[in-house]
């Protein structure tokens, strides 16, 4: 399985909102492991998940997920 070619800045925005991985996961309806994999850029999110995360952390999708 290939690793997505993108940089994920989710951890930065999650911490700015003072959210744990568990809290963010609960708010967007995924497991904490999914958030962990996103933060390590090991998982390419669906559009719906990217939008949900963007809304929770109040940052534009293109600032959180930077595709090369």
Protein backbone atom coordinates (compact mmCIF):
# COMPACT_ATOMS: atom_id res chain seq x y z
CA UNK A 1 0.00 0.00 0.00
CA UNK A 2 1.44 3.38 -0.95
CA UNK A 3 1.53 6.31 1.42
CA UNK A 4 -0.51 9.34 0.31
CA UNK A 5 1.63 12.15 -1.10
CA UNK A 6 0.51 14.87 1.25
CA UNK A 7 1.44 16.77 4.37
CA UNK A 8 -1.05 16.74 7.20
CA UNK A 9 -1.14 19.67 9.61
CA UNK A 10 -4.06 18.30 11.59
CA UNK A 11 -2.17 17.97 14.87
CA UNK A 12 -1.34 21.69 14.84
CA UNK A 13 -4.98 22.70 14.35
CA UNK A 14 -6.27 20.07 16.79
CA UNK A 15 -3.96 21.37 19.51
CA UNK A 16 -4.99 24.97 18.81
CA UNK A 17 -8.56 23.87 19.66
CA UNK A 18 -7.27 22.04 22.76
CA UNK A 19 -8.70 18.74 21.54
CA UNK A 20 -7.32 15.26 22.15
CA UNK A 21 -7.25 12.75 19.31
CA UNK A 22 -10.10 10.94 21.09
CA UNK A 23 -12.24 14.09 21.34
CA UNK A 24 -11.73 15.00 17.69
CA UNK A 25 -12.45 11.43 16.62
CA UNK A 26 -15.73 11.43 18.56
CA UNK A 27 -16.79 14.74 17.00
CA UNK A 28 -16.19 13.55 13.43
CA UNK A 29 -17.38 9.97 13.92
CA UNK A 30 -14.17 7.98 13.49
CA UNK A 31 -11.83 6.02 15.76
CA UNK A 32 -8.87 7.67 17.49
CA UNK A 33 -6.58 5.48 15.38
CA UNK A 34 -7.90 7.18 12.24
CA UNK A 35 -6.93 10.59 13.62
CA UNK A 36 -3.52 9.22 14.60
CA UNK A 37 -2.96 7.84 11.08
CA UNK A 38 -4.09 11.13 9.52
CA UNK A 39 -1.66 13.11 11.68
CA UNK A 40 1.17 10.83 10.52
CA UNK A 41 0.04 11.27 6.87
CA UNK A 42 -0.52 7.51 6.65
CA UNK A 43 -4.15 7.83 5.62
CA UNK A 44 -5.82 9.80 2.85
CA UNK A 45 -9.15 11.10 4.20
CA UNK A 46 -12.43 10.99 2.35
CA UNK A 47 -13.83 14.34 1.29
CA UNK A 48 -16.58 14.05 3.91
CA UNK A 49 -14.07 13.35 6.70
CA UNK A 50 -11.85 16.23 5.56
CA UNK A 51 -14.83 18.59 5.59
CA UNK A 52 -15.97 17.38 9.02
CA UNK A 53 -12.48 17.85 10.46
CA UNK A 54 -12.18 21.27 8.84
CA UNK A 55 -15.42 22.39 10.49
CA UNK A 56 -14.45 21.11 13.94
CA UNK A 57 -10.97 22.68 13.98
CA UNK A 58 -12.22 25.77 12.12
CA UNK A 59 -9.50 25.76 9.47
CA UNK A 60 -9.67 25.46 5.66
CA UNK A 61 -9.21 21.95 4.29
CA UNK A 62 -6.31 23.09 2.13
CA UNK A 63 -4.49 24.36 5.26
CA UNK A 64 -4.93 21.03 7.08
CA UNK A 65 -4.25 18.64 4.19
CA UNK A 66 -1.59 19.88 1.78
CA UNK A 67 -1.34 17.69 -1.30
CA UNK A 68 1.91 17.85 -3.24
